[in-house]
Amino acid sequence: MELDCLVKNGLMVIPSEGIVEGSIGIKDERIVTIGKSLDSIAAKQVIDAQGNYVLPGVIEPHVHFGLGSQLEEDFLTETRSAATGGISTIITYYRQKEPYEKIFDEIKTLGEERSCIDFSIHLGISSEEHIRKIAKYVDDYGVSSFKFLMAYKGEDAKRMGSAEMTDGILYDAFSTIRELKGVLPCIHAENIELIWNIRKKLLDQGRSDPAAWAESRPDFTESEYVRRALFFAELTNCPLYIVHLTCKKALEEVRLCRQHYSKVFVETCPVYLTHTKEDMTDNLLKISPPVRSKEDNDALWEGIRDGSIQTVGSDHLALKRKSKMGSIWDASMGISGTALVLPVLLSEGVHERGISLERIAEVTSYNVARIFNLHPRKGSIQIGSDADLTVVDLDKEQTVTRTMLNSSSDFSIYENWRLKGWPILTMVRGNVVMRDGEIVGKRGFGKFIRRDPV
């Protein structure tokens, strides 16, 4: 047998097993052999990892393509940005009020024409008709995760073209999803009624400074709705995935629930691990939910360490600086960040806090694949899996600049941060798409990946 590619001299980071020195043989886009030394097997291409760490290809579970800019542009530029950060597969959220039959094939085609890495799609639930068609979307499109924004009520719902996300809709949706094995609701938890009340008081005081944004959405407006979502999940026996959890109070609600109900998964984002409300000195850091406190940062890092938090995603939105201008109330919400998920976790997690590389591989790949029906095709270094690999130089230090991230966004909240530990090679299905920070993969190489429940 002649291999298409041999990756040798690497330290393979294998979740649940440990770090193993060895080589990986690839043929027809899959891993076909793993061993201590495979030099006796002929290969068309040999990649020498030179003692660096080889992780399962990073999977980014939380991006928003087509929200801050054009969908076709994002599939081109933002998959390149993702590959820069060692990401081999992204899952993007897409939301509209109309039925998805009218648009899904167009989205899939756009992605396959322009993406340089593999991709999949979560669908947002914005109407009762969407709920009735969840099973159809699972069967027809291989989409098995659906997002619910609990904050969409009143004027906020109208502005976003969404049905009101009432408790009744949530209950009906969870009751529907529980009958579909392997299907998952993804919840954005914020109590908008409390937020409106607090925001009105701040407006009455004439507040329009950046710090007012964080003050208008305190941690209890999140933790209270996390508790509510957990209640409905347990009531209906439906699994639950909580997106971008930000604070200690909300994580404590999850831990309390897990004492009697275990089907709960938690995601956080790098920004909630590294930034606080004291950093809200301008509008660039306006996100929802907002950044919290140093105590919350520490609690989330501990949640990653002890396994309470299963995944890390970026909530990436490719906005331009000009969209952040004006009053804090008028500035756009969102930041880019997909290219820095892994570097931040390596620098701030592994080097600064001693979190293991195995844990980093779990929260950036293995857990994501298992939760979202991508495993064993993705998320593992094992025979039969796609040859998606991320090679990391754990000692490489580099200062972040916006331009190095290959995103269409013209700012980064990590600009000028010095991070230690960087991906130096990204491989998708046995093909190198990024080498030493340079994108070498081809536009249109990425494939849409169905996520059929198993």
Protein backbone atom coordinates (compact mmCIF):
# COMPACT_ATOMS: atom_id res chain seq x y z
CA MET A 1 0.00 0.00 0.00
CA GLU A 2 1.23 3.49 -0.86
CA LEU A 3 0.01 6.25 1.42
CA ASP A 4 -1.15 9.58 0.12
CA CYS A 5 0.51 11.27 3.09
CA LEU A 6 2.59 10.31 6.13
CA VAL A 7 2.73 12.63 9.14
CA LYS A 8 5.72 11.50 11.20
CA ASN A 9 7.65 12.43 14.34
CA GLY A 10 4.64 13.95 16.05
CA LEU A 11 3.35 13.83 19.60
CA MET A 12 -0.25 12.78 19.04
CA VAL A 13 -2.72 14.24 21.53
CA ILE A 14 -5.44 11.62 21.77
CA PRO A 15 -8.41 12.56 24.00
CA SER A 16 -9.13 10.04 26.78
CA GLU A 17 -5.86 8.23 26.02
CA GLY A 18 -3.01 10.72 26.39
CA ILE A 19 -0.01 11.88 24.38
CA VAL A 20 1.63 9.27 22.18
CA GLU A 21 4.71 9.61 20.00
CA GLY A 22 4.13 8.24 16.53
CA SER A 23 3.17 8.62 12.89
CA ILE A 24 -0.12 8.83 11.03
CA GLY A 25 -0.72 7.26 7.63
CA ILE A 26 -3.35 8.79 5.36
CA LYS A 27 -5.03 7.48 2.22
CA ASP A 28 -8.18 8.61 0.41
CA GLU A 29 -8.68 11.44 2.93
CA ARG A 30 -8.87 9.07 5.92
CA ILE A 31 -6.49 7.87 8.60
CA VAL A 32 -5.60 4.29 7.66
CA THR A 33 -2.74 3.48 10.02
CA ILE A 34 -1.14 4.79 13.21
CA GLY A 35 2.14 3.56 14.60
CA LYS A 36 5.39 4.26 16.36
CA SER A 37 7.25 4.35 13.06
CA LEU A 38 5.76 3.99 9.61
CA ASP A 39 8.86 4.97 7.62
CA SER A 40 8.89 1.61 5.84
CA ILE A 41 5.58 2.44 4.14
CA ALA A 42 5.84 4.41 0.89
CA ALA A 43 4.05 7.77 0.82
CA LYS A 44 3.47 10.35 -1.88
CA GLN A 45 3.95 13.14 0.66
CA VAL A 46 5.80 13.13 3.98
CA ILE A 47 5.23 15.79 6.63
CA ASP A 48 7.73 15.91 9.48
CA ALA A 49 5.99 17.21 12.61
CA GLN A 50 9.45 17.58 14.20
CA GLY A 51 8.38 16.68 17.70
CA ASN A 52 5.45 19.10 17.74
CA TYR A 53 2.02 18.18 19.06
CA VAL A 54 -0.58 16.78 16.67
CA LEU A 55 -4.18 17.37 17.77
CA PRO A 56 -7.40 16.17 16.17
CA GLY A 57 -8.46 18.90 13.74
CA VAL A 58 -10.09 21.72 15.71
CA ILE A 59 -13.87 22.02 15.30
CA GLU A 60 -15.38 25.47 15.79
CA PRO A 61 -18.99 25.02 17.01
CA HIS A 62 -20.14 28.64 17.04
CA VAL A 63 -19.76 31.11 14.17
CA HIS A 64 -22.20 33.42 12.42
CA PHE A 65 -21.61 33.59 8.68
CA GLY A 66 -23.72 36.04 6.70
CA LEU A 67 -24.84 38.02 9.74
CA GLY A 68 -22.30 40.82 9.90
CA SER A 69 -21.44 40.65 6.20
CA GLN A 70 -22.40 38.76 3.07
CA LEU A 71 -22.69 34.98 3.37
CA GLU A 72 -20.63 34.33 0.24
CA GLU A 73 -17.85 36.60 1.52
CA ASP A 74 -17.77 34.90 4.92
CA PHE A 75 -17.52 31.42 3.46
CA LEU A 76 -14.42 32.61 1.62
CA THR A 77 -12.61 34.85 4.10
CA GLU A 78 -13.73 33.47 7.45
CA THR A 79 -12.96 29.84 6.65
CA ARG A 80 -9.47 31.03 5.74
CA SER A 81 -9.33 32.78 9.10
CA ALA A 82 -10.51 29.61 10.83
CA ALA A 83 -7.83 27.53 9.09
CA THR A 84 -5.23 30.08 10.26
CA GLY A 85 -6.21 29.14 13.81
CA GLY A 86 -5.91 25.39 13.24
CA ILE A 87 -9.62 24.83 12.61
CA SER A 88 -10.56 22.12 10.11
CA THR A 89 -14.38 22.20 10.50
CA ILE A 90 -16.81 24.97 11.42
CA ILE A 91 -20.49 24.87 12.31
CA THR A 92 -22.24 28.12 11.43
CA TYR A 93 -25.57 29.34 12.73
CA TYR A 94 -28.16 30.45 10.20
CA ARG A 95 -31.50 32.02 11.09
CA GLN A 96 -34.50 33.32 9.18
CA LYS A 97 -38.24 33.50 9.80
CA GLU A 98 -39.25 31.76 6.56
CA PRO A 99 -39.07 27.96 6.11
CA TYR A 100 -35.57 26.75 5.38
CA GLU A 101 -36.58 24.76 2.28
CA LYS A 102 -36.26 27.98 0.29
CA ILE A 103 -32.64 28.65 1.20
CA PHE A 104 -30.81 25.60 2.57
CA ASP A 105 -29.49 24.20 -0.71
CA GLU A 106 -28.28 27.67 -1.68
CA ILE A 107 -26.33 28.00 1.58
CA LYS A 108 -24.80 24.54 1.13
CA THR A 109 -23.80 25.32 -2.46
CA LEU A 110 -22.26 28.67 -1.49
CA GLY A 111 -20.19 26.95 1.18
CA GLU A 112 -18.95 24.19 -1.07
CA GLU A 113 -17.99 26.70 -3.76
CA ARG A 114 -16.04 28.97 -1.43
CA SER A 115 -14.98 27.29 1.82
CA CYS A 116 -11.43 25.96 2.23
CA ILE A 117 -12.40 23.79 5.22
CA ASP A 118 -15.33 21.50 6.00
CA PHE A 119 -18.51 23.01 7.39
CA SER A 120 -21.89 22.21 8.82
CA ILE A 121 -24.92 24.24 9.85
CA HIS A 122 -27.10 24.87 12.91
CA LEU A 123 -30.56 26.28 12.15
CA GLY A 124 -32.23 28.96 14.26
CA ILE A 125 -35.81 28.38 15.37
CA SER A 126 -37.73 31.58 14.68
CA SER A 127 -41.34 30.43 14.25
CA GLU A 128 -43.81 27.73 15.22
CA GLU A 129 -43.59 26.42 11.65
CA HIS A 130 -39.88 25.80 12.22
CA ILE A 131 -40.76 23.66 15.25
CA ARG A 132 -43.21 21.58 13.20
CA LYS A 133 -40.48 20.97 10.61
CA ILE A 134 -37.56 20.06 12.89
CA ALA A 135 -37.81 16.35 12.02
CA LYS A 136 -37.87 17.24 8.32
CA TYR A 137 -34.76 19.38 8.66
CA VAL A 138 -33.00 16.51 10.43
CA ASP A 139 -33.95 13.98 7.75
CA ASP A 140 -33.56 16.16 4.66
CA TYR A 141 -30.50 18.22 5.56
CA GLY A 142 -28.60 16.28 8.20
CA VAL A 143 -28.99 19.22 10.61
CA SER A 144 -29.36 17.97 14.17
CA SER A 145 -28.95 21.14 16.28
CA PHE A 146 -31.30 24.10 16.54
CA LYS A 147 -30.82 27.46 18.23
CA PHE A 148 -33.30 29.24 20.47
CA LEU A 149 -32.64 32.84 21.52
CA MET A 150 -34.59 33.21 24.75
CA ALA A 151 -34.03 36.97 24.67
CA TYR A 152 -36.19 37.40 21.57
CA LYS A 153 -39.32 39.02 22.93
CA GLY A 154 -41.26 42.20 22.19
CA GLU A 155 -39.43 44.76 20.07
CA ASP A 156 -36.29 42.65 20.03
CA ALA A 157 -38.19 39.81 18.37
CA LYS A 158 -39.78 42.14 15.81
CA ARG A 159 -36.44 43.75 15.01
CA MET A 160 -34.87 40.35 14.31
CA GLY A 161 -37.86 39.01 12.38
CA SER A 162 -38.50 36.27 14.90
CA ALA A 163 -41.48 34.84 16.71
CA GLU A 164 -41.57 35.67 20.41
CA MET A 165 -39.51 33.06 22.26
CA THR A 166 -42.11 32.37 24.93
CA ASP A 167 -42.03 29.62 27.52
CA GLY A 168 -44.78 27.93 25.50
CA ILE A 169 -42.65 27.80 22.36
CA LEU A 170 -39.68 26.54 24.37
CA TYR A 171 -41.78 23.82 25.97
CA ASP A 172 -43.27 22.73 22.63
CA ALA A 173 -39.86 22.72 20.95
CA PHE A 174 -38.22 20.69 23.71
CA SER A 175 -41.16 18.26 23.68
CA THR A 176 -40.68 17.82 19.92
CA ILE A 177 -36.91 17.41 20.09
CA ARG A 178 -36.98 14.84 22.90
CA GLU A 179 -38.68 12.42 20.47
CA LEU A 180 -35.77 12.75 18.02
CA LYS A 181 -32.77 10.82 19.28
CA GLY A 182 -29.50 12.72 18.91
CA VAL A 183 -31.09 16.10 18.20
CA LEU A 184 -30.11 19.06 20.35
CA PRO A 185 -31.50 22.52 21.19
CA CYS A 186 -28.87 25.26 21.62
CA ILE A 187 -29.94 28.00 24.02
CA HIS A 188 -28.90 31.65 24.26
CA ALA A 189 -30.00 32.44 27.81
CA GLU A 190 -30.74 36.06 28.75
CA ASN A 191 -33.82 37.47 30.49
CA ILE A 192 -34.63 40.40 28.22
CA GLU A 193 -37.44 41.66 30.46
CA LEU A 194 -34.99 42.22 33.30
CA ILE A 195 -32.52 43.77 30.84
CA TRP A 196 -35.12 46.22 29.51
CA ASN A 197 -35.90 47.31 33.06
CA ILE A 198 -32.27 47.94 33.98
CA ARG A 199 -31.48 49.58 30.66
CA LYS A 200 -34.36 52.08 31.06
CA LYS A 201 -32.93 53.21 34.39
CA LEU A 202 -29.50 53.70 32.81
CA LEU A 203 -31.00 55.66 29.92
CA ASP A 204 -32.92 57.83 32.39
CA GLN A 205 -29.55 58.62 33.98
CA GLY A 206 -28.21 59.68 30.58
CA ARG A 207 -25.78 56.75 30.40
CA SER A 208 -24.42 55.89 26.96
CA ASP A 209 -20.83 54.97 27.87
CA PRO A 210 -19.45 51.51 27.01
CA ALA A 211 -19.57 50.32 30.62
CA ALA A 212 -23.34 50.87 30.64
CA TRP A 213 -23.74 47.95 28.26
CA ALA A 214 -22.32 45.43 30.74
CA GLU A 215 -24.27 47.06 33.57
CA SER A 216 -27.52 46.67 31.64
CA ARG A 217 -27.08 42.88 31.37
CA PRO A 218 -25.76 41.69 34.77
CA ASP A 219 -24.90 38.05 35.43
CA PHE A 220 -28.24 37.20 37.06
CA THR A 221 -30.08 38.03 33.82
CA GLU A 222 -28.18 35.11 32.32
CA SER A 223 -28.15 32.67 35.25
CA GLU A 224 -31.90 33.02 35.82
CA TYR A 225 -32.64 32.01 32.23
CA VAL A 226 -30.08 29.21 32.35
CA ARG A 227 -32.06 27.88 35.32
CA ARG A 228 -35.31 28.23 33.33
CA ALA A 229 -33.88 26.41 30.31
CA LEU A 230 -32.55 23.63 32.55
CA PHE A 231 -35.98 23.31 34.16
CA PHE A 232 -37.72 22.85 30.81
CA ALA A 233 -35.04 20.44 29.60
CA GLU A 234 -35.46 18.22 32.65
CA LEU A 235 -39.26 18.55 32.55
CA THR A 236 -39.39 17.32 28.96
CA ASN A 237 -36.41 14.94 29.23
CA CYS A 238 -34.71 16.84 26.42
CA PRO A 239 -30.94 17.31 26.13
CA LEU A 240 -29.67 20.88 26.27
CA TYR A 241 -26.65 22.79 24.94
CA ILE A 242 -26.01 26.22 26.46
CA VAL A 243 -24.09 28.53 24.15
CA HIS A 244 -21.51 31.12 25.29
CA LEU A 245 -21.96 30.71 29.05
CA THR A 246 -20.21 33.65 30.70
CA CYS A 247 -20.39 33.57 34.48
CA LYS A 248 -19.91 31.69 37.71
CA LYS A 249 -23.60 31.97 38.70
CA ALA A 250 -24.76 30.29 35.48
CA LEU A 251 -22.16 27.53 35.79
CA GLU A 252 -23.30 26.89 39.35
CA GLU A 253 -26.86 26.42 38.04
CA VAL A 254 -25.57 23.80 35.62
CA ARG A 255 -23.62 21.95 38.30
CA LEU A 256 -26.68 21.93 40.56
CA CYS A 257 -28.87 20.55 37.77
CA ARG A 258 -26.37 17.84 36.89
CA GLN A 259 -26.78 16.36 40.37
CA HIS A 260 -30.08 14.91 39.10
CA TYR A 261 -30.13 15.52 35.33
CA SER A 262 -27.05 14.90 33.23
CA LYS A 263 -28.04 15.67 29.63
CA VAL A 264 -26.61 19.18 29.70
CA PHE A 265 -23.68 20.54 27.67
CA VAL A 266 -21.96 23.88 28.15
CA GLU A 267 -19.96 26.08 25.79
CA THR A 268 -17.95 29.17 26.62
CA CYS A 269 -15.87 31.56 24.50
CA PRO A 270 -12.29 32.83 24.79
CA VAL A 271 -13.44 36.40 25.40
CA TYR A 272 -15.22 35.32 28.60
CA LEU A 273 -12.00 33.70 29.76
CA THR A 274 -9.75 36.70 29.14
CA HIS A 275 -11.70 39.98 29.30
CA THR A 276 -13.70 41.74 32.01
CA LYS A 277 -16.13 44.65 32.19
CA GLU A 278 -13.19 46.84 33.20
CA ASP A 279 -11.98 46.37 29.62
CA MET A 280 -15.15 48.04 28.29
CA THR A 281 -13.37 51.28 27.44
CA ASP A 282 -14.82 51.52 23.93
CA ASN A 283 -17.56 49.93 21.84
CA LEU A 284 -15.40 47.22 20.27
CA LEU A 285 -16.08 44.83 23.13
CA LYS A 286 -19.87 45.13 22.88
CA ILE A 287 -21.14 41.55 22.84
CA SER A 288 -24.17 39.70 24.17
CA PRO A 289 -23.98 38.45 26.85
CA PRO A 290 -21.35 40.96 27.98
CA VAL A 291 -18.00 40.27 29.58
CA ARG A 292 -18.09 39.83 33.35
CA SER A 293 -15.51 39.88 36.17
CA LYS A 294 -12.13 38.36 36.94
CA GLU A 295 -13.92 35.99 39.34
CA ASP A 296 -16.06 34.80 36.44
CA ASN A 297 -12.98 34.34 34.23
CA ASP A 298 -11.43 32.14 36.89
CA ALA A 299 -14.62 30.13 37.39
CA LEU A 300 -14.84 29.37 33.66
CA TRP A 301 -11.21 28.28 33.47
CA GLU A 302 -11.90 25.94 36.38
CA GLY A 303 -14.97 24.68 34.51
CA ILE A 304 -12.76 23.76 31.57
CA ARG A 305 -10.24 22.11 33.88
CA ASP A 306 -12.79 19.97 35.75
CA GLY A 307 -14.95 19.12 32.72
CA SER A 308 -18.00 21.19 33.70
CA ILE A 309 -17.57 23.06 30.41
CA GLN A 310 -17.48 20.75 27.40
CA THR A 311 -16.71 23.04 24.45
CA VAL A 312 -15.16 26.37 23.50
CA GLY A 313 -16.36 28.35 20.48
CA SER A 314 -15.79 31.92 19.38
CA ASP A 315 -19.28 33.30 18.54
CA HIS A 316 -17.39 34.75 15.57
CA LEU A 317 -18.96 37.64 13.67
CA ALA A 318 -16.92 39.38 10.98
CA LEU A 319 -17.86 42.98 11.78
CA LYS A 320 -16.12 46.13 10.66
CA ARG A 321 -14.91 48.79 13.09
CA LYS A 322 -17.31 51.35 11.59
CA SER A 323 -20.29 49.27 12.77
CA LYS A 324 -19.11 49.84 16.34
CA MET A 325 -19.23 53.63 16.17
CA GLY A 326 -21.73 55.91 17.94
CA SER A 327 -23.61 55.33 21.18
CA ILE A 328 -23.05 52.03 22.94
CA TRP A 329 -26.78 51.37 22.50
CA ASP A 330 -26.53 51.79 18.71
CA ALA A 331 -23.22 50.02 18.06
CA SER A 332 -23.34 46.53 16.58
CA MET A 333 -22.96 43.53 18.86
CA GLY A 334 -20.28 40.96 18.16
CA ILE A 335 -16.59 40.34 17.63
CA SER A 336 -14.44 38.14 15.43
CA GLY A 337 -12.25 35.52 17.06
CA THR A 338 -12.34 32.10 15.43
CA ALA A 339 -8.63 32.20 14.50
CA LEU A 340 -7.63 32.72 18.14
CA VAL A 341 -9.67 30.07 19.95
CA LEU A 342 -6.79 27.60 20.03
CA PRO A 343 -3.93 30.10 20.56
CA VAL A 344 -5.74 31.66 23.54
CA LEU A 345 -6.42 28.26 25.09
CA LEU A 346 -2.80 27.21 24.58
CA SER A 347 -1.30 30.43 25.92
CA GLU A 348 -3.70 31.29 28.73
CA GLY A 349 -4.83 27.76 29.52
CA VAL A 350 -1.88 25.43 29.02
CA HIS A 351 1.01 27.80 29.75
CA GLU A 352 -0.54 30.14 32.30
CA ARG A 353 -2.82 27.73 34.17
CA GLY A 354 -1.38 24.28 33.55
CA ILE A 355 -4.45 22.85 31.83
CA SER A 356 -3.51 19.68 29.97
CA LEU A 357 -3.25 19.45 26.21
CA GLU A 358 -5.60 16.47 26.36
CA ARG A 359 -8.26 18.70 27.90
CA ILE A 360 -7.68 21.33 25.21
CA ALA A 361 -8.14 18.66 22.53
CA GLU A 362 -11.37 17.59 24.21
CA VAL A 363 -12.98 21.04 24.36
CA THR A 364 -11.84 22.07 20.87
CA SER A 365 -12.50 18.85 18.96
CA TYR A 366 -13.46 15.55 20.58
CA ASN A 367 -16.37 16.84 22.69
CA VAL A 368 -17.68 19.02 19.87
CA ALA A 369 -17.69 16.05 17.49
CA ARG A 370 -19.49 13.79 19.95
CA ILE A 371 -22.09 16.38 20.98
CA PHE A 372 -22.92 17.45 17.42
CA ASN A 373 -22.95 14.06 15.65
CA LEU A 374 -19.61 14.44 13.88
CA HIS A 375 -17.83 11.60 15.68
CA PRO A 376 -16.10 9.32 14.74
CA ARG A 377 -15.67 10.98 11.34
CA LYS A 378 -14.30 14.09 13.07
CA GLY A 379 -12.77 14.81 16.45
CA SER A 380 -10.36 11.90 16.86
CA ILE A 381 -7.03 10.56 15.71
CA GLN A 382 -8.12 7.03 14.95
CA ILE A 383 -8.23 4.66 12.01
CA GLY A 384 -11.20 5.41 9.76
CA SER A 385 -11.60 9.04 10.82
CA ASP A 386 -11.14 11.93 8.41
CA ALA A 387 -7.49 12.97 8.33
CA ASP A 388 -8.17 16.31 10.01
CA LEU A 389 -5.10 17.32 12.00
CA THR A 390 -3.81 20.43 13.74
CA VAL A 391 -0.07 20.58 14.38
CA VAL A 392 0.88 22.87 17.27
CA ASP A 393 4.21 24.41 18.21
CA LEU A 394 3.65 24.85 21.92
CA ASP A 395 6.73 27.05 22.34
CA LYS A 396 6.07 29.47 19.49
CA GLU A 397 5.43 33.03 20.68
CA GLN A 398 3.78 35.60 18.48
CA THR A 399 2.15 39.01 18.87
CA VAL A 400 -1.38 39.21 17.52
CA THR A 401 -2.04 41.60 14.66
CA ARG A 402 -5.33 41.96 12.87
CA THR A 403 -3.84 41.21 9.46
CA MET A 404 -2.33 37.88 10.49
CA LEU A 405 -5.82 36.53 11.26
CA ASN A 406 -6.95 36.54 7.61
CA SER A 407 -10.43 37.78 8.55
CA SER A 408 -12.46 40.46 6.79
CA SER A 409 -13.01 42.05 10.21
CA ASP A 410 -10.74 45.07 10.59
CA PHE A 411 -10.21 44.80 14.36
CA SER A 412 -9.38 42.21 17.00
CA ILE A 413 -9.87 42.47 20.75
CA TYR A 414 -6.55 40.59 21.08
CA GLU A 415 -4.55 43.08 19.01
CA ASN A 416 -0.99 43.30 20.45
CA TRP A 417 -1.48 40.37 22.84
CA ARG A 418 1.60 38.16 23.05
CA LEU A 419 0.45 34.52 22.92
CA LYS A 420 2.56 31.40 23.38
CA GLY A 421 1.52 28.25 21.52
CA TRP A 422 0.34 28.41 17.91
CA PRO A 423 -0.98 26.07 15.23
CA ILE A 424 1.60 25.74 12.47
CA LEU A 425 -0.28 23.36 10.18
CA THR A 426 -3.96 22.67 9.50
CA MET A 427 -4.96 19.57 7.57
CA VAL A 428 -8.44 18.82 6.25
CA ARG A 429 -9.10 15.30 4.96
CA GLY A 430 -5.40 14.73 4.37
CA ASN A 431 -4.81 18.02 2.57
CA VAL A 432 -2.76 20.84 4.07
CA VAL A 433 -4.78 24.07 4.04
CA MET A 434 -2.56 26.18 6.33
CA ARG A 435 1.19 26.02 6.83
CA ASP A 436 3.09 28.44 9.09
CA GLY A 437 0.31 31.00 9.03
CA GLU A 438 -0.08 30.96 5.25
CA ILE A 439 -3.26 29.66 3.65
CA VAL A 440 -2.32 27.08 1.02
CA GLY A 441 -5.68 25.35 0.71
CA LYS A 442 -7.96 25.90 -2.24
CA ARG A 443 -11.23 27.77 -2.30
CA GLY A 444 -14.05 25.26 -2.65
CA PHE A 445 -12.17 22.34 -1.10
CA GLY A 446 -14.44 22.29 1.94
CA LYS A 447 -17.38 19.92 2.04
CA PHE A 448 -20.75 20.23 3.74
CA ILE A 449 -20.87 17.60 6.49
CA ARG A 450 -24.24 16.09 7.37
CA ARG A 451 -24.72 15.49 11.08
CA ASP A 452 -27.26 12.70 11.11
CA PRO A 453 -28.22 11.51 14.60
CA VAL A 454 -26.60 8.26 15.66
